[in-house]
Amino acid sequence: MYQVLNDLNKTSGVTGSMLVGKDGIVIAADLDERLESETVGALAASITDNIQKSLDRMDTSPLSQVTIEADNAKMFFSDAGIGILVVTTEKQVNIGLIRLEIKNAVSKLKISN
């Protein structure tokens, strides 16, 4: 699990990654030291839970990924089966590359589970 996060963090523009349970409990983290993993985990669980509830009301397929863009960074929350894969990046990043690497990481996490 940590190897998957470590490999993901080698992607250009990625500043950190973590896996959290859908309850917000941190399973594994390799985040930038300026970010508190518990806070990011709780945020990821809350955001994805609220979005999934909205999707359920609209009879839409399950949530697969959420992207948040802020002034200085981007955050990607992806369903990884056993939890939520959180990836933080720089503001200017190749989103296509990041999404491809996240897809690969999610596949590895699902296989190792």
Protein backbone atom coordinates (compact mmCIF):
# COMPACT_ATOMS: atom_id res chain seq x y z
CA MET A 1 0.00 0.00 0.00
CA TYR A 2 2.74 2.45 0.93
CA GLN A 3 4.61 1.46 -2.23
CA VAL A 4 1.59 2.44 -4.34
CA LEU A 5 1.48 5.85 -2.63
CA ASN A 6 5.24 6.27 -2.98
CA ASP A 7 5.07 5.46 -6.72
CA LEU A 8 2.15 7.85 -7.17
CA ASN A 9 4.08 10.63 -5.44
CA LYS A 10 6.84 10.32 -8.04
CA THR A 11 4.43 11.61 -10.70
CA SER A 12 5.28 15.12 -11.85
CA GLY A 13 3.21 17.67 -9.92
CA VAL A 14 1.99 15.30 -7.19
CA THR A 15 2.73 16.66 -3.72
CA GLY A 16 1.25 13.81 -1.66
CA SER A 17 -1.20 10.95 -1.45
CA MET A 18 -3.07 8.97 1.13
CA LEU A 19 -5.68 6.27 1.58
CA VAL A 20 -8.50 6.86 4.04
CA GLY A 21 -11.46 4.77 5.08
CA LYS A 22 -14.90 6.01 4.09
CA ASP A 23 -15.25 6.97 7.76
CA GLY A 24 -12.27 9.35 7.49
CA ILE A 25 -9.78 7.17 9.39
CA VAL A 26 -6.31 7.30 7.81
CA ILE A 27 -5.20 3.90 6.48
CA ALA A 28 -1.89 5.04 4.94
CA ALA A 29 -0.44 8.46 4.19
CA ASP A 30 2.49 9.96 2.34
CA LEU A 31 1.45 13.61 2.37
CA ASP A 32 3.35 16.87 2.28
CA GLU A 33 4.38 17.65 5.86
CA ARG A 34 2.39 20.91 5.77
CA LEU A 35 -0.87 18.93 5.58
CA GLU A 36 -2.39 17.14 8.56
CA SER A 37 -3.41 13.68 7.40
CA GLU A 38 -6.28 13.40 9.90
CA THR A 39 -7.78 16.69 8.70
CA VAL A 40 -7.43 15.77 5.03
CA GLY A 41 -8.91 12.33 5.72
CA ALA A 42 -11.94 13.79 7.46
CA LEU A 43 -12.39 16.29 4.64
CA ALA A 44 -12.19 13.58 1.98
CA ALA A 45 -14.73 11.37 3.75
CA SER A 46 -17.15 14.24 4.30
CA ILE A 47 -16.96 15.55 0.74
CA THR A 48 -17.26 12.17 -0.95
CA ASP A 49 -20.10 11.08 1.35
CA ASN A 50 -22.12 14.23 0.62
CA ILE A 51 -21.54 13.96 -3.12
CA GLN A 52 -22.50 10.27 -3.11
CA LYS A 53 -25.74 11.07 -1.28
CA SER A 54 -26.54 13.68 -3.93
CA LEU A 55 -25.75 11.22 -6.72
CA ASP A 56 -28.00 8.63 -5.07
CA ARG A 57 -30.88 11.12 -5.07
CA MET A 58 -30.33 11.65 -8.80
CA ASP A 59 -30.15 7.88 -9.51
CA THR A 60 -26.66 8.34 -10.94
CA SER A 61 -23.89 5.75 -10.97
CA PRO A 62 -21.54 5.53 -7.97
CA LEU A 63 -18.99 8.25 -7.38
CA SER A 64 -15.65 7.46 -8.97
CA GLN A 65 -13.65 10.70 -8.62
CA VAL A 66 -13.95 14.26 -7.31
CA THR A 67 -11.51 17.04 -8.20
CA ILE A 68 -11.18 20.21 -6.15
CA GLU A 69 -9.26 23.16 -7.52
CA ALA A 70 -8.02 25.84 -5.14
CA ASP A 71 -5.78 28.87 -5.66
CA ASN A 72 -2.55 27.00 -4.95
CA ALA A 73 -3.32 23.31 -5.41
CA LYS A 74 -5.65 20.59 -6.61
CA MET A 75 -7.02 17.60 -4.71
CA PHE A 76 -8.34 14.41 -6.23
CA PHE A 77 -10.57 12.01 -4.26
CA SER A 78 -11.08 8.59 -5.87
CA ASP A 79 -12.97 5.50 -4.78
CA ALA A 80 -10.35 2.79 -4.26
CA GLY A 81 -12.68 0.08 -3.01
CA ILE A 82 -11.15 -0.26 0.45
CA GLY A 83 -11.29 3.50 0.92
CA ILE A 84 -10.71 6.85 -0.69
CA LEU A 85 -7.47 7.58 -2.49
CA VAL A 86 -6.55 11.23 -1.95
CA VAL A 87 -3.97 12.87 -4.19
CA THR A 88 -2.74 16.44 -3.74
CA THR A 89 -1.01 18.27 -6.56
CA GLU A 90 0.45 21.58 -7.55
CA LYS A 91 -1.91 24.07 -9.17
CA GLN A 92 -0.39 23.72 -12.63
CA VAL A 93 -0.43 20.01 -13.37
CA ASN A 94 -1.21 17.72 -16.28
CA ILE A 95 -4.67 16.57 -15.19
CA GLY A 96 -4.80 13.79 -17.78
CA LEU A 97 -1.53 12.32 -16.50
CA ILE A 98 -2.68 12.61 -12.88
CA ARG A 99 -5.98 10.86 -13.62
CA LEU A 100 -4.16 8.07 -15.47
CA GLU A 101 -1.75 7.55 -12.57
CA ILE A 102 -4.65 7.60 -10.10
CA LYS A 103 -6.47 4.98 -12.18
CA ASN A 104 -3.35 2.79 -12.13
CA ALA A 105 -2.90 3.27 -8.38
CA VAL A 106 -6.56 2.39 -7.70
CA SER A 107 -6.16 -0.81 -9.77
CA LYS A 108 -3.08 -1.79 -7.74
CA LEU A 109 -4.85 -1.05 -4.45
CA LYS A 110 -7.85 -3.16 -5.45
CA ILE A 111 -5.61 -6.08 -6.51
CA SER A 112 -3.58 -5.98 -3.28
CA ASN A 113 -6.74 -6.05 -1.21
